[in-house]
Amino acid sequence: MTHENRLSSTERTRQLEESIARAMERYRNDFEAVRENSARLRAAREALEAENASTHVASRTPIRKARRTAGTY
């Protein structure tokens, strides 16, 4: 290495810390995006389940059981 390309120990440490800080910021942003998307999907699923449950109860008709006759199994 030439003298111009060498970095001092403190400069290398500073660059490493900056790199770590950038990586942590990306990690936090990705985590927050996943959490927001999960919350949005959960809300949509719960709304759909509630709609289906109310529709199912309202349209439910009594089911007649078939009678068994002797000899048919």
N, C-alpha and C. Protein backbone atom coordinates (compact mmCIF):
# COMPACT_ATOMS: atom_id res chain seq x y z
N MET A 1 0.82 -1.19 0.00
CA MET A 1 0.00 0.00 0.00
C MET A 1 0.87 1.24 0.00
N THR A 2 0.39 2.19 -0.71
CA THR A 2 1.12 3.47 -0.67
C THR A 2 0.61 4.28 0.50
N HIS A 3 1.35 5.28 0.83
CA HIS A 3 1.00 6.12 1.96
C HIS A 3 -0.36 6.80 1.77
N GLU A 4 -0.71 7.15 0.54
CA GLU A 4 -1.97 7.83 0.27
C GLU A 4 -3.18 6.92 0.50
N ASN A 5 -3.00 5.61 0.30
CA ASN A 5 -4.12 4.68 0.43
C ASN A 5 -4.30 4.17 1.85
N ARG A 6 -3.34 4.39 2.69
CA ARG A 6 -3.43 3.90 4.05
C ARG A 6 -4.37 4.79 4.86
N LEU A 7 -5.13 4.13 5.70
CA LEU A 7 -6.01 4.86 6.59
C LEU A 7 -5.52 4.69 8.01
N SER A 8 -5.68 5.71 8.78
CA SER A 8 -5.28 5.60 10.18
C SER A 8 -6.26 4.70 10.90
N SER A 9 -5.87 4.24 12.03
CA SER A 9 -6.71 3.36 12.83
C SER A 9 -8.02 4.06 13.19
N THR A 10 -7.94 5.32 13.54
CA THR A 10 -9.16 6.04 13.90
C THR A 10 -10.07 6.24 12.69
N GLU A 11 -9.48 6.43 11.52
CA GLU A 11 -10.29 6.59 10.30
C GLU A 11 -10.99 5.28 9.94
N ARG A 12 -10.26 4.15 10.05
CA ARG A 12 -10.88 2.85 9.79
C ARG A 12 -12.02 2.59 10.77
N THR A 13 -11.79 2.93 12.03
CA THR A 13 -12.82 2.74 13.05
C THR A 13 -14.04 3.60 12.74
N ARG A 14 -13.82 4.85 12.34
CA ARG A 14 -14.91 5.74 12.00
C ARG A 14 -15.71 5.20 10.81
N GLN A 15 -15.01 4.72 9.78
CA GLN A 15 -15.69 4.17 8.61
C GLN A 15 -16.49 2.92 8.98
N LEU A 16 -15.92 2.08 9.83
CA LEU A 16 -16.62 0.88 10.27
C LEU A 16 -17.89 1.26 11.03
N GLU A 17 -17.79 2.22 11.93
CA GLU A 17 -18.94 2.66 12.71
C GLU A 17 -20.03 3.25 11.80
N GLU A 18 -19.62 4.01 10.79
CA GLU A 18 -20.59 4.56 9.84
C GLU A 18 -21.27 3.45 9.05
N SER A 19 -20.50 2.47 8.65
CA SER A 19 -21.06 1.34 7.90
C SER A 19 -22.06 0.57 8.75
N ILE A 20 -21.72 0.36 10.00
CA ILE A 20 -22.62 -0.34 10.91
C ILE A 20 -23.90 0.48 11.13
N ALA A 21 -23.75 1.79 11.29
CA ALA A 21 -24.91 2.65 11.48
C ALA A 21 -25.84 2.61 10.27
N ARG A 22 -25.28 2.63 9.05
CA ARG A 22 -26.10 2.54 7.84
C ARG A 22 -26.82 1.20 7.76
N ALA A 23 -26.11 0.13 8.10
CA ALA A 23 -26.72 -1.21 8.07
C ALA A 23 -27.85 -1.31 9.09
N MET A 24 -27.64 -0.77 10.27
CA MET A 24 -28.68 -0.81 11.30
C MET A 24 -29.90 0.01 10.87
N GLU A 25 -29.68 1.12 10.22
CA GLU A 25 -30.80 1.95 9.74
C GLU A 25 -31.60 1.20 8.68
N ARG A 26 -30.91 0.52 7.76
CA ARG A 26 -31.61 -0.29 6.76
C ARG A 26 -32.40 -1.40 7.43
N TYR A 27 -31.79 -2.05 8.41
CA TYR A 27 -32.45 -3.13 9.15
C TYR A 27 -33.71 -2.60 9.82
N ARG A 28 -33.62 -1.46 10.50
CA ARG A 28 -34.79 -0.89 11.18
C ARG A 28 -35.89 -0.52 10.19
N ASN A 29 -35.50 0.07 9.06
CA ASN A 29 -36.49 0.44 8.04
C ASN A 29 -37.18 -0.79 7.48
N ASP A 30 -36.42 -1.84 7.18
CA ASP A 30 -37.01 -3.07 6.67
C ASP A 30 -37.94 -3.70 7.70
N PHE A 31 -37.51 -3.72 8.96
CA PHE A 31 -38.32 -4.29 10.02
C PHE A 31 -39.64 -3.53 10.17
N GLU A 32 -39.57 -2.22 10.13
CA GLU A 32 -40.78 -1.40 10.26
C GLU A 32 -41.71 -1.62 9.08
N ALA A 33 -41.17 -1.74 7.88
CA ALA A 33 -42.00 -1.99 6.70
C ALA A 33 -42.71 -3.34 6.81
N VAL A 34 -42.00 -4.35 7.27
CA VAL A 34 -42.61 -5.68 7.44
C VAL A 34 -43.70 -5.62 8.50
N ARG A 35 -43.44 -4.92 9.60
CA ARG A 35 -44.42 -4.82 10.68
C ARG A 35 -45.67 -4.09 10.20
N GLU A 36 -45.51 -3.02 9.46
CA GLU A 36 -46.67 -2.29 8.94
C GLU A 36 -47.47 -3.14 7.95
N ASN A 37 -46.78 -3.86 7.09
CA ASN A 37 -47.46 -4.71 6.11
C ASN A 37 -48.21 -5.84 6.83
N SER A 38 -47.59 -6.43 7.84
CA SER A 38 -48.24 -7.49 8.60
C SER A 38 -49.50 -6.98 9.28
N ALA A 39 -49.43 -5.79 9.84
CA ALA A 39 -50.60 -5.20 10.51
C ALA A 39 -51.72 -4.94 9.49
N ARG A 40 -51.35 -4.45 8.32
CA ARG A 40 -52.35 -4.19 7.27
C ARG A 40 -53.02 -5.49 6.82
N LEU A 41 -52.22 -6.52 6.60
CA LEU A 41 -52.76 -7.81 6.17
C LEU A 41 -53.62 -8.44 7.26
N ARG A 42 -53.20 -8.33 8.52
CA ARG A 42 -53.96 -8.87 9.64
C ARG A 42 -55.33 -8.20 9.73
N ALA A 43 -55.35 -6.88 9.58
CA ALA A 43 -56.62 -6.14 9.64
C ALA A 43 -57.54 -6.56 8.50
N ALA A 44 -56.98 -6.73 7.32
CA ALA A 44 -57.79 -7.15 6.17
C ALA A 44 -58.33 -8.56 6.39
N ARG A 45 -57.51 -9.45 6.90
CA ARG A 45 -57.95 -10.83 7.15
C ARG A 45 -59.05 -10.85 8.21
N GLU A 46 -58.87 -10.09 9.30
CA GLU A 46 -59.87 -10.07 10.36
C GLU A 46 -61.19 -9.48 9.86
N ALA A 47 -61.12 -8.47 9.02
CA ALA A 47 -62.34 -7.89 8.45
C ALA A 47 -63.05 -8.90 7.56
N LEU A 48 -62.30 -9.62 6.77
CA LEU A 48 -62.88 -10.64 5.89
C LEU A 48 -63.49 -11.76 6.71
N GLU A 49 -62.79 -12.20 7.76
CA GLU A 49 -63.34 -13.26 8.61
C GLU A 49 -64.62 -12.81 9.30
N ALA A 50 -64.66 -11.56 9.77
CA ALA A 50 -65.86 -11.04 10.42
C ALA A 50 -67.02 -10.96 9.42
N GLU A 51 -66.71 -10.52 8.20
CA GLU A 51 -67.75 -10.45 7.16
C GLU A 51 -68.27 -11.84 6.83
N ASN A 52 -67.37 -12.79 6.68
CA ASN A 52 -67.78 -14.16 6.37
C ASN A 52 -68.58 -14.77 7.51
N ALA A 53 -68.20 -14.49 8.75
CA ALA A 53 -68.92 -15.03 9.89
C ALA A 53 -70.33 -14.46 9.96
N SER A 54 -70.48 -13.17 9.73
CA SER A 54 -71.82 -12.56 9.78
C SER A 54 -72.68 -13.04 8.61
N THR A 55 -72.10 -13.21 7.46
CA THR A 55 -72.83 -13.69 6.30
C THR A 55 -73.24 -15.13 6.50
N HIS A 56 -72.36 -15.92 7.06
CA HIS A 56 -72.64 -17.34 7.29
C HIS A 56 -73.79 -17.50 8.28
N VAL A 57 -73.80 -16.74 9.35
CA VAL A 57 -74.85 -16.84 10.36
C VAL A 57 -76.18 -16.36 9.79
N ALA A 58 -76.18 -15.29 9.02
CA ALA A 58 -77.41 -14.74 8.47
C ALA A 58 -78.02 -15.65 7.42
N SER A 59 -77.22 -16.34 6.64
CA SER A 59 -77.75 -17.16 5.56
C SER A 59 -77.89 -18.62 5.94
N ARG A 60 -77.64 -18.93 7.18
CA ARG A 60 -77.67 -20.33 7.60
C ARG A 60 -79.11 -20.83 7.66
N THR A 61 -79.34 -21.94 7.01
CA THR A 61 -80.65 -22.57 7.04
C THR A 61 -80.53 -23.90 7.76
N PRO A 62 -81.58 -24.33 8.40
CA PRO A 62 -81.50 -25.61 9.11
C PRO A 62 -81.24 -26.75 8.12
N ILE A 63 -80.45 -27.67 8.55
CA ILE A 63 -80.11 -28.82 7.71
C ILE A 63 -80.93 -30.01 8.20
N ARG A 64 -81.62 -30.63 7.27
CA ARG A 64 -82.40 -31.82 7.63
C ARG A 64 -81.51 -33.02 7.54
N LYS A 65 -81.57 -33.83 8.55
CA LYS A 65 -80.79 -35.06 8.55
C LYS A 65 -81.54 -36.12 7.76
N ALA A 66 -80.81 -36.85 6.96
CA ALA A 66 -81.43 -37.92 6.19
C ALA A 66 -81.75 -39.08 7.13
N ARG A 67 -82.90 -39.67 6.91
CA ARG A 67 -83.28 -40.83 7.74
C ARG A 67 -82.60 -42.06 7.19
N ARG A 68 -82.15 -42.86 8.10
CA ARG A 68 -81.59 -44.14 7.69
C ARG A 68 -82.71 -45.15 7.62
N THR A 69 -82.73 -45.87 6.59
CA THR A 69 -83.72 -46.94 6.47
C THR A 69 -83.02 -48.24 6.75
N ALA A 70 -83.75 -49.18 7.21
CA ALA A 70 -83.17 -50.47 7.55
C ALA A 70 -82.59 -51.12 6.30
N GLY A 71 -81.40 -51.64 6.43
CA GLY A 71 -80.79 -52.38 5.35
C GLY A 71 -79.90 -51.56 4.43
N THR A 72 -79.90 -50.27 4.53
CA THR A 72 -79.03 -49.49 3.67
C THR A 72 -77.93 -48.89 4.51
N TYR A 73 -76.76 -49.28 4.19
CA TYR A 73 -75.60 -48.76 4.92
C TYR A 73 -74.60 -48.18 3.98
